[in-house]
N, C-alpha and C. Protein backbone atom coordinates (compact mmCIF):
# COMPACT_ATOMS: atom_id res chain seq x y z
N MET A 1 -26.55 17.07 19.34
CA MET A 1 -26.93 18.49 19.39
C MET A 1 -25.59 19.37 18.64
N GLY A 2 -24.25 19.16 19.31
CA GLY A 2 -23.19 19.57 18.98
C GLY A 2 -23.13 19.33 17.31
N PHE A 3 -23.31 18.14 16.54
CA PHE A 3 -23.35 17.88 15.12
C PHE A 3 -24.67 18.95 14.15
N GLN A 4 -25.65 19.19 14.73
CA GLN A 4 -25.93 19.97 13.90
C GLN A 4 -25.66 20.84 14.25
N ILE A 5 -24.85 21.49 15.05
CA ILE A 5 -24.41 22.95 14.75
C ILE A 5 -22.94 22.61 13.33
N GLY A 6 -22.17 22.21 13.77
CA GLY A 6 -21.75 22.10 12.77
C GLY A 6 -22.31 21.55 11.21
N ARG A 7 -23.38 21.02 11.47
CA ARG A 7 -24.36 20.47 9.97
C ARG A 7 -24.93 21.67 9.45
N PHE A 8 -24.81 22.82 10.88
CA PHE A 8 -26.12 24.11 10.20
C PHE A 8 -24.57 25.09 9.58
N TYR A 9 -23.43 24.68 9.73
CA TYR A 9 -22.22 25.77 9.37
C TYR A 9 -21.88 25.08 7.89
N ALA A 10 -21.91 23.94 7.73
CA ALA A 10 -21.55 23.02 6.18
C ALA A 10 -22.61 22.99 5.58
N HIS A 11 -23.68 23.29 5.70
CA HIS A 11 -25.09 23.41 4.70
C HIS A 11 -24.88 24.60 4.31
N ARG A 12 -24.48 26.08 5.13
CA ARG A 12 -24.41 26.96 4.36
C ARG A 12 -23.26 27.14 3.66
N LYS A 13 -22.27 26.29 3.73
CA LYS A 13 -21.63 26.53 2.93
C LYS A 13 -21.77 25.55 1.50
N GLY A 14 -22.72 25.01 1.49
CA GLY A 14 -23.35 24.74 0.27
C GLY A 14 -23.23 23.04 0.29
N ASN A 15 -23.21 22.63 1.38
CA ASN A 15 -22.55 20.90 1.42
C ASN A 15 -23.90 20.18 1.67
N LEU A 16 -24.44 19.18 1.17
CA LEU A 16 -25.40 18.08 1.36
C LEU A 16 -24.53 17.45 2.62
N VAL A 17 -25.31 17.80 3.82
CA VAL A 17 -25.17 17.21 5.04
C VAL A 17 -25.84 16.23 5.72
N TYR A 18 -25.75 14.64 5.71
CA TYR A 18 -26.24 13.87 6.70
C TYR A 18 -25.82 13.43 8.27
N ARG A 19 -26.78 13.01 9.07
CA ARG A 19 -26.16 12.96 10.67
C ARG A 19 -26.97 11.95 10.85
N PRO A 20 -26.67 10.72 10.43
CA PRO A 20 -27.34 9.87 10.75
C PRO A 20 -27.58 9.78 12.06
N THR A 21 -28.71 9.07 13.01
CA THR A 21 -28.39 9.02 14.71
C THR A 21 -28.56 7.65 15.01
N LEU A 22 -27.51 7.07 15.37
CA LEU A 22 -27.13 5.76 15.61
C LEU A 22 -28.51 4.98 16.88
N THR A 23 -28.98 3.85 16.12
CA THR A 23 -29.51 2.99 17.05
C THR A 23 -29.48 3.03 18.36
N GLY A 24 -30.94 3.66 19.21
CA GLY A 24 -30.87 3.64 20.42
C GLY A 24 -30.17 5.38 21.24
N GLN A 25 -29.74 6.48 20.17
CA GLN A 25 -28.84 7.91 20.45
C GLN A 25 -30.10 8.82 20.02
N GLY A 26 -30.08 9.48 20.94
CA GLY A 26 -30.80 10.86 20.68
C GLY A 26 -31.83 10.49 20.35
N GLU A 27 -32.75 11.24 19.07
CA GLU A 27 -34.21 10.84 19.23
C GLU A 27 -34.70 9.64 18.54
N ARG A 28 -32.93 8.43 18.19
CA ARG A 28 -34.05 6.75 18.68
C ARG A 28 -33.69 6.24 20.04
N VAL A 29 -33.86 7.15 21.46
CA VAL A 29 -33.52 6.89 22.31
C VAL A 29 -34.56 5.40 22.57
N HIS A 30 -35.86 5.61 21.94
CA HIS A 30 -36.71 4.85 22.18
C HIS A 30 -36.36 3.58 21.80
N LEU A 31 -35.43 3.10 21.09
CA LEU A 31 -34.83 1.51 20.51
C LEU A 31 -33.67 1.52 21.15
N SER A 32 -33.60 2.21 22.53
CA SER A 32 -32.29 1.94 23.33
C SER A 32 -32.39 0.23 23.50
N SER A 33 -31.19 -0.15 24.00
CA SER A 33 -31.24 -2.01 24.23
C SER A 33 -30.06 -2.14 24.34
N PRO A 34 -29.49 -2.62 25.34
CA PRO A 34 -28.36 -3.35 25.90
C PRO A 34 -27.57 -4.28 25.17
N ASN A 35 -28.63 -4.40 24.21
CA ASN A 35 -28.12 -6.10 23.54
C ASN A 35 -27.96 -5.12 22.11
N ILE A 36 -28.00 -4.14 21.86
CA ILE A 36 -27.51 -3.07 20.17
C ILE A 36 -25.94 -3.24 20.35
N GLY A 37 -25.32 -4.01 19.87
CA GLY A 37 -23.71 -4.18 19.29
C GLY A 37 -23.60 -3.04 18.06
N LEU A 38 -21.88 -3.09 18.19
CA LEU A 38 -21.48 -1.80 16.77
C LEU A 38 -21.65 -2.82 15.40
N ASN A 39 -22.22 -4.22 15.68
CA ASN A 39 -22.93 -4.07 13.90
C ASN A 39 -23.74 -3.14 13.46
N THR A 40 -24.86 -3.33 14.74
CA THR A 40 -26.08 -2.47 14.47
C THR A 40 -25.54 -0.95 14.04
N HIS A 41 -24.73 -0.01 14.74
CA HIS A 41 -24.46 1.15 13.99
C HIS A 41 -23.62 1.21 12.95
N ILE A 42 -22.84 -0.14 12.73
CA ILE A 42 -22.60 0.23 11.23
C ILE A 42 -23.08 0.09 10.22
N LEU A 43 -24.71 -0.81 10.41
CA LEU A 43 -25.66 -1.18 9.53
C LEU A 43 -26.41 0.05 9.81
N ASP A 44 -26.61 0.78 10.40
CA ASP A 44 -26.91 1.61 10.53
C ASP A 44 -26.58 2.99 9.60
N ILE A 45 -25.36 2.75 9.59
CA ILE A 45 -24.79 4.42 8.40
C ILE A 45 -24.92 3.21 6.92
N ILE A 46 -24.32 2.23 7.17
CA ILE A 46 -24.45 1.33 5.56
C ILE A 46 -26.18 1.40 4.76
N ASN A 47 -26.81 1.79 5.75
CA ASN A 47 -28.38 1.52 5.07
C ASN A 47 -28.88 2.85 4.87
N THR A 48 -28.27 3.81 5.54
CA THR A 48 -28.63 4.90 5.23
C THR A 48 -27.88 5.51 3.50
N ILE A 49 -27.01 5.13 3.39
CA ILE A 49 -26.05 5.00 2.56
C ILE A 49 -26.96 4.30 1.21
N LEU A 50 -27.15 3.33 1.85
CA LEU A 50 -27.72 2.81 0.81
C LEU A 50 -28.88 2.96 0.10
N TYR A 51 -29.91 3.54 1.26
CA TYR A 51 -31.25 3.62 1.26
C TYR A 51 -31.65 5.10 0.39
N GLU A 52 -30.20 5.84 0.68
CA GLU A 52 -30.26 7.19 -0.08
C GLU A 52 -29.96 7.40 -1.52
N ASP A 53 -29.43 6.35 -1.50
CA ASP A 53 -28.77 6.25 -2.91
C ASP A 53 -27.42 6.70 -3.05
N LEU A 54 -26.54 7.08 -1.98
CA LEU A 54 -25.65 8.14 -2.29
C LEU A 54 -24.02 7.62 -2.26
N TYR A 55 -23.27 8.02 -3.59
CA TYR A 55 -22.18 7.41 -3.83
C TYR A 55 -21.25 8.87 -3.49
N ASN A 56 -20.14 8.52 -3.76
CA ASN A 56 -19.00 9.75 -3.59
C ASN A 56 -19.37 10.14 -2.22
N VAL A 57 -19.16 9.78 -1.18
CA VAL A 57 -19.89 10.15 0.26
C VAL A 57 -18.20 10.25 0.69
N ILE A 58 -18.28 11.41 1.32
CA ILE A 58 -17.07 11.83 2.24
C ILE A 58 -17.63 11.60 3.73
N LEU A 59 -17.20 10.31 4.31
CA LEU A 59 -17.75 10.02 5.30
C LEU A 59 -16.86 10.14 6.87
N VAL A 60 -17.60 10.68 7.78
CA VAL A 60 -16.67 11.35 8.83
C VAL A 60 -17.03 10.48 10.53
N GLY A 61 -16.15 10.24 10.81
CA GLY A 61 -16.53 9.61 12.38
C GLY A 61 -15.58 10.08 13.29
N HIS A 62 -16.58 10.36 14.21
CA HIS A 62 -16.30 11.26 15.19
C HIS A 62 -16.09 10.24 16.51
N SER A 63 -14.79 10.13 17.63
CA SER A 63 -14.49 9.36 18.19
C SER A 63 -15.15 8.12 18.24
N TYR A 64 -16.25 7.49 19.22
CA TYR A 64 -16.46 6.02 19.12
C TYR A 64 -16.52 5.74 17.24
N GLY A 65 -17.40 7.05 16.87
CA GLY A 65 -17.71 6.72 15.50
C GLY A 65 -16.93 6.05 14.59
N GLY A 66 -15.57 6.19 14.84
CA GLY A 66 -14.20 5.82 14.38
C GLY A 66 -14.47 4.23 14.16
N MET A 67 -14.91 3.49 15.06
CA MET A 67 -14.81 2.25 14.97
C MET A 67 -16.22 2.11 13.70
N VAL A 68 -17.30 2.80 13.93
CA VAL A 68 -18.43 2.52 12.68
C VAL A 68 -18.29 2.63 11.57
N VAL A 69 -17.45 3.84 11.18
CA VAL A 69 -17.23 4.22 9.61
C VAL A 69 -15.68 3.02 9.36
N THR A 70 -15.08 2.50 9.74
CA THR A 70 -14.32 1.42 9.71
C THR A 70 -15.08 0.75 8.95
N GLY A 71 -15.86 -0.52 9.71
CA GLY A 71 -17.07 -1.13 9.29
C GLY A 71 -17.57 -0.93 8.11
N VAL A 72 -18.57 0.47 8.11
CA VAL A 72 -18.80 1.12 6.86
C VAL A 72 -17.76 0.93 5.81
N ALA A 73 -16.64 1.20 5.55
CA ALA A 73 -15.86 1.29 4.49
C ALA A 73 -15.78 0.31 4.03
N ASP A 74 -15.31 -0.52 5.32
CA ASP A 74 -14.98 -2.33 5.00
C ASP A 74 -15.89 -2.92 4.38
N SER A 75 -17.33 -2.53 4.60
CA SER A 75 -18.37 -3.66 3.98
C SER A 75 -19.00 -2.57 2.44
N ILE A 76 -18.65 -1.29 2.41
CA ILE A 76 -19.13 -0.53 1.05
C ILE A 76 -18.60 0.34 0.09
N PRO A 77 -17.09 -0.28 0.42
CA PRO A 77 -15.65 0.79 -0.23
C PRO A 77 -16.21 1.48 -1.46
N GLU A 78 -16.44 0.80 -2.37
CA GLU A 78 -17.72 1.51 -3.49
C GLU A 78 -18.09 2.89 -3.55
N ARG A 79 -18.64 2.81 -2.34
CA ARG A 79 -19.54 4.38 -2.29
C ARG A 79 -19.01 5.26 -1.44
N ILE A 80 -17.82 4.98 -1.13
CA ILE A 80 -17.09 6.11 -0.03
C ILE A 80 -15.66 6.45 -0.80
N LEU A 81 -15.90 8.24 -0.87
CA LEU A 81 -14.77 8.79 -2.46
C LEU A 81 -13.70 9.25 -0.70
N LYS A 82 -13.88 9.54 0.26
CA LYS A 82 -12.98 9.68 1.23
C LYS A 82 -13.69 9.82 2.53
N LEU A 83 -12.62 8.97 3.29
CA LEU A 83 -12.75 8.94 5.17
C LEU A 83 -11.76 9.57 5.98
N VAL A 84 -12.74 10.32 6.62
CA VAL A 84 -12.05 11.01 7.75
C VAL A 84 -12.60 10.64 9.21
N TYR A 85 -11.39 10.63 9.88
CA TYR A 85 -11.01 10.33 11.38
C TYR A 85 -11.20 11.49 12.23
N LEU A 86 -12.19 11.89 12.72
CA LEU A 86 -11.92 13.18 13.33
C LEU A 86 -11.96 12.72 15.44
N ASP A 87 -10.71 13.16 15.42
CA ASP A 87 -10.40 13.15 16.93
C ASP A 87 -11.37 10.99 17.27
N ALA A 88 -10.92 10.13 16.36
CA ALA A 88 -11.59 9.08 16.48
C ALA A 88 -11.16 7.83 17.12
N THR A 89 -11.31 6.72 17.12
CA THR A 89 -10.86 5.38 17.21
C THR A 89 -10.67 4.67 16.26
N LEU A 90 -9.84 4.51 15.88
CA LEU A 90 -8.94 3.60 14.52
C LEU A 90 -8.63 2.08 14.79
N PRO A 91 -9.24 1.61 14.95
CA PRO A 91 -9.60 -0.10 15.26
C PRO A 91 -8.72 -0.77 14.60
N LYS A 92 -7.95 -1.71 14.51
CA LYS A 92 -7.08 -2.58 13.61
C LYS A 92 -8.26 -4.17 13.63
N ASN A 93 -8.26 -5.07 12.41
CA ASN A 93 -8.90 -6.23 12.68
C ASN A 93 -8.73 -6.71 13.97
N GLY A 94 -10.06 -7.16 14.76
CA GLY A 94 -10.33 -8.22 15.66
C GLY A 94 -10.07 -7.13 17.43
N GLU A 95 -9.66 -5.62 16.85
CA GLU A 95 -9.87 -4.90 18.11
C GLU A 95 -11.30 -4.53 18.35
N SER A 96 -11.50 -4.66 19.55
CA SER A 96 -12.72 -3.26 20.16
C SER A 96 -12.83 -2.07 21.07
N VAL A 97 -12.85 -1.88 21.25
CA VAL A 97 -12.78 0.01 21.95
C VAL A 97 -12.05 -0.60 23.32
N LEU A 98 -12.51 -1.26 24.13
CA LEU A 98 -11.80 -1.39 25.16
C LEU A 98 -10.50 -2.04 25.15
N THR A 99 -10.38 -2.86 23.66
CA THR A 99 -8.80 -3.76 23.88
C THR A 99 -7.76 -3.10 23.05
N ILE A 100 -7.92 -1.54 22.76
CA ILE A 100 -6.86 -1.45 22.26
C ILE A 100 -6.17 -0.63 23.21
N LYS A 101 -4.96 -0.69 23.08
CA LYS A 101 -3.56 -0.55 24.19
C LYS A 101 -4.27 0.97 24.44
N ASP A 102 -3.99 1.53 25.20
CA ASP A 102 -4.20 2.97 25.60
C ASP A 102 -5.41 3.20 25.19
N SER A 103 -6.30 2.59 25.52
CA SER A 103 -7.62 2.68 25.37
C SER A 103 -8.48 4.48 25.68
N THR A 104 -8.89 4.72 25.14
CA THR A 104 -9.41 6.53 24.95
C THR A 104 -10.88 6.18 25.83
N VAL A 105 -11.36 5.07 26.56
CA VAL A 105 -11.96 4.92 27.45
C VAL A 105 -11.32 5.47 28.45
N GLU A 106 -12.45 6.46 29.36
CA GLU A 106 -12.65 7.21 29.99
C GLU A 106 -13.13 6.47 31.56
N THR A 107 -12.67 6.72 32.57
CA THR A 107 -13.18 5.83 33.91
C THR A 107 -14.16 6.86 34.23
N LYS A 108 -14.52 7.74 33.86
CA LYS A 108 -16.31 8.56 33.97
C LYS A 108 -17.00 7.68 33.57
N PHE A 109 -17.03 6.43 32.60
CA PHE A 109 -17.42 5.82 31.65
C PHE A 109 -17.92 4.53 32.81
N LYS A 110 -18.98 4.86 33.45
CA LYS A 110 -19.27 3.13 34.26
C LYS A 110 -20.32 1.89 33.75
N ASN A 111 -20.04 0.76 33.78
CA ASN A 111 -21.18 0.09 32.70
C ASN A 111 -21.88 0.06 34.23
N ASN A 112 -23.19 0.44 33.74
CA ASN A 112 -24.59 0.55 34.51
C ASN A 112 -25.40 -0.24 33.73
N ASN A 113 -25.74 -1.51 34.35
CA ASN A 113 -26.69 -2.79 33.69
C ASN A 113 -26.64 -2.50 31.63
N GLY A 114 -25.80 -2.76 31.33
CA GLY A 114 -25.25 -2.79 30.18
C GLY A 114 -25.51 -1.64 29.44
N TYR A 115 -25.20 -0.48 29.91
CA TYR A 115 -25.33 0.93 29.63
C TYR A 115 -23.67 1.61 30.31
N LEU A 116 -23.73 2.65 29.40
CA LEU A 116 -22.51 3.77 29.67
C LEU A 116 -23.30 4.98 30.13
N ILE A 117 -23.41 5.17 31.61
CA ILE A 117 -23.58 6.51 31.67
C ILE A 117 -23.32 7.82 31.66
N PRO A 118 -23.59 8.81 30.75
CA PRO A 118 -22.96 10.22 30.85
C PRO A 118 -23.50 10.57 32.51
N HIS A 119 -22.35 11.08 33.18
CA HIS A 119 -22.50 11.62 34.62
C HIS A 119 -23.42 12.70 34.25
N TRP A 120 -22.60 13.49 32.88
CA TRP A 120 -23.14 15.17 33.17
C TRP A 120 -24.20 15.38 32.62
N VAL A 121 -24.93 14.90 32.62
CA VAL A 121 -26.64 14.83 32.51
C VAL A 121 -27.06 14.46 33.31
N SER A 122 -28.15 15.59 33.97
CA SER A 122 -28.93 15.77 35.13
C SER A 122 -29.95 14.97 35.05
N LYS A 123 -30.80 14.18 35.52
CA LYS A 123 -32.14 13.23 35.46
C LYS A 123 -33.09 14.20 35.40
N ASP A 124 -33.26 15.91 35.13
CA ASP A 124 -34.32 16.15 35.28
C ASP A 124 -33.63 17.16 34.21
N GLN A 125 -32.44 16.64 32.98
CA GLN A 125 -32.10 17.44 32.14
C GLN A 125 -33.24 17.37 30.96
N LEU A 126 -33.71 17.98 30.37
CA LEU A 126 -34.78 18.05 28.50
C LEU A 126 -33.93 17.96 27.50
N PRO A 127 -34.30 16.94 26.65
CA PRO A 127 -33.43 17.10 25.30
C PRO A 127 -33.44 18.32 24.60
N PRO A 128 -32.71 18.58 24.12
CA PRO A 128 -31.53 17.38 23.61
C PRO A 128 -30.52 17.45 24.63
N LYS A 129 -30.45 16.24 24.61
CA LYS A 129 -29.07 15.42 25.56
C LYS A 129 -28.76 14.56 25.57
N ASP A 130 -27.38 13.97 26.01
CA ASP A 130 -26.69 12.86 26.12
C ASP A 130 -27.77 12.15 26.98
N VAL A 131 -27.40 10.42 26.25
CA VAL A 131 -28.57 9.36 26.74
C VAL A 131 -27.07 8.18 26.81
N PRO A 132 -27.72 7.29 27.48
CA PRO A 132 -26.90 6.02 27.65
C PRO A 132 -26.36 5.64 26.63
N HIS A 133 -25.47 4.89 26.83
CA HIS A 133 -24.68 4.31 25.32
C HIS A 133 -24.32 2.62 25.40
N PRO A 134 -25.28 1.77 24.71
CA PRO A 134 -24.70 0.20 25.25
C PRO A 134 -23.00 0.19 25.60
N TYR A 135 -23.11 -0.23 26.31
CA TYR A 135 -21.65 -0.83 26.73
C TYR A 135 -21.38 -2.00 25.38
N LYS A 136 -22.09 -2.89 25.11
CA LYS A 136 -22.27 -3.70 23.82
C LYS A 136 -20.91 -3.00 22.86
N THR A 137 -21.39 -2.24 22.48
CA THR A 137 -20.85 -1.75 21.12
C THR A 137 -19.08 -1.13 21.66
N TRP A 138 -18.90 -0.85 22.64
CA TRP A 138 -17.33 -0.81 23.03
C TRP A 138 -16.50 -2.20 23.39
N VAL A 139 -17.33 -3.34 23.53
CA VAL A 139 -16.88 -4.38 23.91
C VAL A 139 -16.79 -5.31 22.95
N ASP A 140 -17.76 -5.08 21.74
CA ASP A 140 -17.68 -5.78 20.39
C ASP A 140 -16.21 -5.64 19.58
N LYS A 141 -15.86 -6.62 19.05
CA LYS A 141 -14.71 -6.50 18.37
C LYS A 141 -14.98 -6.56 16.89
N ILE A 142 -14.39 -5.45 15.90
CA ILE A 142 -14.43 -5.30 14.71
C ILE A 142 -13.65 -6.81 13.50
N ILE A 143 -14.76 -6.86 12.92
CA ILE A 143 -14.38 -7.83 11.78
C ILE A 143 -14.17 -7.41 10.95
N LEU A 144 -12.97 -6.93 9.68
CA LEU A 144 -12.42 -6.29 8.77
C LEU A 144 -12.31 -7.63 8.27
N LYS A 145 -12.74 -7.41 6.45
CA LYS A 145 -12.49 -8.62 5.59
C LYS A 145 -12.23 -7.86 4.17
N ASN A 146 -12.15 -6.51 4.02
CA ASN A 146 -12.01 -6.39 2.57
C ASN A 146 -10.98 -5.72 2.52
N PRO A 147 -9.85 -5.75 1.70
CA PRO A 147 -8.55 -4.79 1.79
C PRO A 147 -9.12 -4.01 0.95
N ASP A 148 -10.18 -3.74 0.14
CA ASP A 148 -9.79 -2.63 -0.53
C ASP A 148 -10.20 -1.62 0.34
N ARG A 149 -10.77 -1.54 1.52
CA ARG A 149 -11.34 -0.37 2.64
C ARG A 149 -10.06 0.62 2.78
N GLU A 150 -8.41 -0.45 2.49
CA GLU A 150 -7.32 0.83 2.84
C GLU A 150 -7.26 1.26 1.18
N LYS A 151 -7.97 1.33 0.34
CA LYS A 151 -7.28 1.85 -0.61
C LYS A 151 -8.51 3.61 -0.70
N THR A 152 -8.95 3.40 0.05
CA THR A 152 -9.67 4.60 0.15
C THR A 152 -9.19 5.75 0.62
N PRO A 153 -9.08 7.23 0.19
CA PRO A 153 -8.51 8.21 0.78
C PRO A 153 -9.19 8.68 2.17
N THR A 154 -7.79 8.45 3.10
CA THR A 154 -8.56 8.77 4.24
C THR A 154 -7.52 9.97 5.43
N ILE A 155 -8.09 10.09 5.93
CA ILE A 155 -7.55 11.24 6.34
C ILE A 155 -7.66 11.70 8.10
N TYR A 156 -6.79 11.90 8.98
CA TYR A 156 -7.23 12.31 10.57
C TYR A 156 -7.03 13.74 10.85
N ILE A 157 -8.05 13.24 11.77
CA ILE A 157 -8.21 15.16 12.52
C ILE A 157 -7.57 14.55 14.18
N LEU A 158 -6.75 15.14 14.28
CA LEU A 158 -6.67 15.24 15.69
C LEU A 158 -6.68 16.57 16.40
N THR A 159 -7.44 16.49 16.92
CA THR A 159 -7.96 17.70 18.04
C THR A 159 -7.19 18.16 19.10
N VAL A 160 -6.29 18.94 19.60
CA VAL A 160 -5.46 19.03 20.54
C VAL A 160 -6.01 20.30 21.40
N ALA A 161 -6.57 20.15 22.72
CA ALA A 161 -7.16 22.13 23.89
C ALA A 161 -5.75 22.61 23.96
N LYS A 162 -6.42 23.94 23.88
CA LYS A 162 -4.80 24.80 23.80
C LYS A 162 -3.89 24.95 24.84
N GLY A 163 -3.15 24.52 24.75
CA GLY A 163 -2.00 24.36 25.16
C GLY A 163 -1.37 22.82 25.73
N LYS A 164 -2.09 22.20 25.28
CA LYS A 164 -1.78 20.53 25.80
C LYS A 164 -0.87 19.93 24.38
N PRO A 165 0.31 19.56 24.81
CA PRO A 165 0.96 18.89 24.15
C PRO A 165 0.05 17.50 23.18
N PRO A 166 0.20 17.44 21.90
CA PRO A 166 -0.59 16.90 21.10
C PRO A 166 -0.34 15.29 21.96
N GLU A 167 0.82 14.97 21.89
CA GLU A 167 1.29 13.25 22.55
C GLU A 167 0.66 13.33 24.24
N LYS A 168 -0.12 13.94 24.63
CA LYS A 168 -0.92 13.66 26.25
C LYS A 168 -2.25 13.85 25.46
N ASP A 169 -2.71 13.99 24.35
CA ASP A 169 -4.30 13.93 23.97
C ASP A 169 -4.44 12.47 23.77
N SER A 170 -6.07 12.16 24.38
CA SER A 170 -6.36 10.65 24.64
C SER A 170 -6.15 9.95 22.96
N PHE A 171 -6.33 11.10 22.04
CA PHE A 171 -6.60 9.70 20.87
C PHE A 171 -5.23 10.12 20.22
N TYR A 172 -4.35 10.46 21.04
CA TYR A 172 -2.81 10.57 19.95
C TYR A 172 -2.17 9.21 19.54
N LEU A 173 -3.00 7.70 19.89
CA LEU A 173 -2.37 7.18 19.91
C LEU A 173 -3.03 6.26 18.53
N HIS A 174 -4.57 6.95 18.13
CA HIS A 174 -4.88 6.77 16.70
C HIS A 174 -4.45 7.30 15.72
N ALA A 175 -4.08 8.61 15.98
CA ALA A 175 -3.40 9.58 15.15
C ALA A 175 -1.85 9.09 14.68
N ILE A 176 -1.14 8.48 15.68
CA ILE A 176 -0.14 7.81 15.23
C ILE A 176 -0.01 6.37 14.31
N ARG A 177 -1.48 5.61 14.42
CA ARG A 177 -1.67 5.08 13.70
C ARG A 177 -2.24 5.11 11.94
N ALA A 178 -2.83 6.37 12.31
CA ALA A 178 -2.89 6.98 10.89
C ALA A 178 -1.54 7.63 9.68
N LYS A 179 -0.88 8.07 11.25
CA LYS A 179 0.49 8.61 10.49
C LYS A 179 1.53 7.36 9.75
N ASN A 180 1.39 6.08 10.47
CA ASN A 180 1.81 5.21 9.77
C ASN A 180 1.27 4.69 8.87
N LYS A 181 -0.06 4.20 8.41
CA LYS A 181 0.08 4.14 7.14
C LYS A 181 -0.12 5.45 6.07
N GLY A 182 0.47 6.37 6.26
CA GLY A 182 0.91 6.94 5.33
C GLY A 182 -0.27 8.28 4.69
N TRP A 183 -1.10 8.32 6.22
CA TRP A 183 -2.53 9.23 5.99
C TRP A 183 -1.74 10.55 6.16
N PRO A 184 -2.38 12.00 5.86
CA PRO A 184 -2.23 12.60 6.02
C PRO A 184 -2.74 12.65 7.46
N VAL A 185 -2.49 13.64 8.60
CA VAL A 185 -2.95 13.58 9.92
C VAL A 185 -2.78 15.52 10.13
N LEU A 186 -3.94 15.50 10.46
CA LEU A 186 -4.29 16.94 10.59
C LEU A 186 -4.08 17.28 11.96
N GLN A 187 -3.93 18.89 12.34
CA GLN A 187 -4.20 18.77 14.03
C GLN A 187 -5.00 20.47 14.12
N LEU A 188 -6.65 20.41 14.92
CA LEU A 188 -7.05 21.48 15.26
C LEU A 188 -7.01 21.47 16.36
N GLU A 189 -6.92 22.87 16.66
CA GLU A 189 -7.24 23.27 18.39
C GLU A 189 -8.27 23.89 18.67
N ALA A 190 -8.96 22.48 19.33
CA ALA A 190 -9.85 22.77 19.92
C ALA A 190 -10.38 21.28 20.97
N ASP A 191 -11.17 21.34 21.60
CA ASP A 191 -11.37 19.75 22.72
C ASP A 191 -12.03 19.03 21.80
N HIS A 192 -12.29 17.98 22.22
CA HIS A 192 -12.60 16.38 21.79
C HIS A 192 -13.82 16.66 20.78
N ASN A 193 -15.18 17.56 21.15
CA ASN A 193 -15.75 17.79 21.15
C ASN A 193 -15.90 19.49 19.60
N ALA A 194 -15.12 19.17 19.01
CA ALA A 194 -14.61 20.33 17.98
C ALA A 194 -16.34 21.22 17.25
N GLN A 195 -16.95 19.92 17.38
CA GLN A 195 -18.58 20.90 16.34
C GLN A 195 -18.90 21.80 17.67
N TRP A 196 -18.29 21.61 18.97
CA TRP A 196 -19.05 22.70 19.48
C TRP A 196 -17.92 24.01 19.78
N SER A 197 -16.81 23.22 20.04
CA SER A 197 -16.03 24.40 20.59
C SER A 197 -15.58 25.14 19.48
N ALA A 198 -15.36 24.59 18.41
CA ALA A 198 -14.29 25.08 17.06
C ALA A 198 -15.40 24.82 15.98
N PRO A 199 -16.35 25.25 16.26
CA PRO A 199 -17.31 24.63 14.91
C PRO A 199 -17.33 25.31 13.34
N HIS A 200 -16.88 26.59 12.90
CA HIS A 200 -15.99 27.18 12.13
C HIS A 200 -15.27 26.80 11.85
N GLU A 201 -14.06 26.72 12.72
CA GLU A 201 -12.65 26.40 11.98
C GLU A 201 -12.74 24.85 11.44
N LEU A 202 -13.87 23.81 12.34
CA LEU A 202 -13.86 22.42 12.04
C LEU A 202 -14.43 22.61 10.55
N VAL A 203 -15.41 23.23 10.38
CA VAL A 203 -16.25 23.28 8.89
C VAL A 203 -14.89 23.67 8.03
N ALA A 204 -14.48 24.81 7.85
CA ALA A 204 -13.25 25.03 7.24
C ALA A 204 -12.26 23.83 6.67
N MET A 205 -11.85 23.42 8.04
CA MET A 205 -10.91 21.71 7.60
C MET A 205 -11.41 20.81 6.49
N LEU A 206 -12.71 20.82 6.77
CA LEU A 206 -13.37 19.47 6.88
C LEU A 206 -13.48 20.55 4.77
N GLN A 207 -13.83 21.60 4.32
CA GLN A 207 -13.69 21.96 3.53
C GLN A 207 -12.62 21.61 2.45
N GLY A 208 -11.50 21.76 3.16
CA GLY A 208 -10.19 22.38 2.49
C GLY A 208 -10.09 20.36 1.85
N ILE A 209 -10.40 19.39 2.84
CA ILE A 209 -10.65 17.98 2.86
C ILE A 209 -11.44 17.97 1.48
N LEU A 210 -12.70 18.34 1.66
CA LEU A 210 -13.63 17.84 0.29
C LEU A 210 -12.69 18.63 -1.25
N LYS A 211 -11.82 19.89 -1.08
CA LYS A 211 -11.30 20.64 -2.42
C LYS A 211 -10.54 19.57 -2.83
N LYS A 212 -9.90 19.01 -1.99
CA LYS A 212 -8.36 18.53 -2.22
C LYS A 212 -8.76 16.50 -3.34
């Protein structure tokens, strides 16, 4: 739902925005299975790009989505104009979400029969809502084979809650990784879900990236 809000404001600015839903999530929850892995989600985005025949894509990955967009850029870098990590995991080859040092995985997520269960969703809550996320996607290691991925212009956006030092943020490690690669690192005052807490500011920042 949060990304629909951000998408709405981006559309109003004249941008064509796609918001693919990963298998087993959102309106595709009926396809959910504990066997869904990272590669399934990578293919979700690759096939959106290929079957919509998209080029010059500005690909934005949020949170765990950093794993996904990294895999997409590794597979079809020729379709990607720019890559944006929005408070997102930035993996190295052979890493998973759970193997990255100082992982952003929080203790509030528990592996329950192959799923990560969002505790903030009540049993009687109606859609739209967060749904269980396949645990396998967080333990699968990403395999990167295409060095051309590194040629894609890439920006990292670190969202930091008001009054919180950046180095205390859960995704600071990933912002440092981006900085060490020589990528621009921008900071936005917002909680982790900037598409909810600061949609106007987020869209304005993405607009600035689009124009560069």
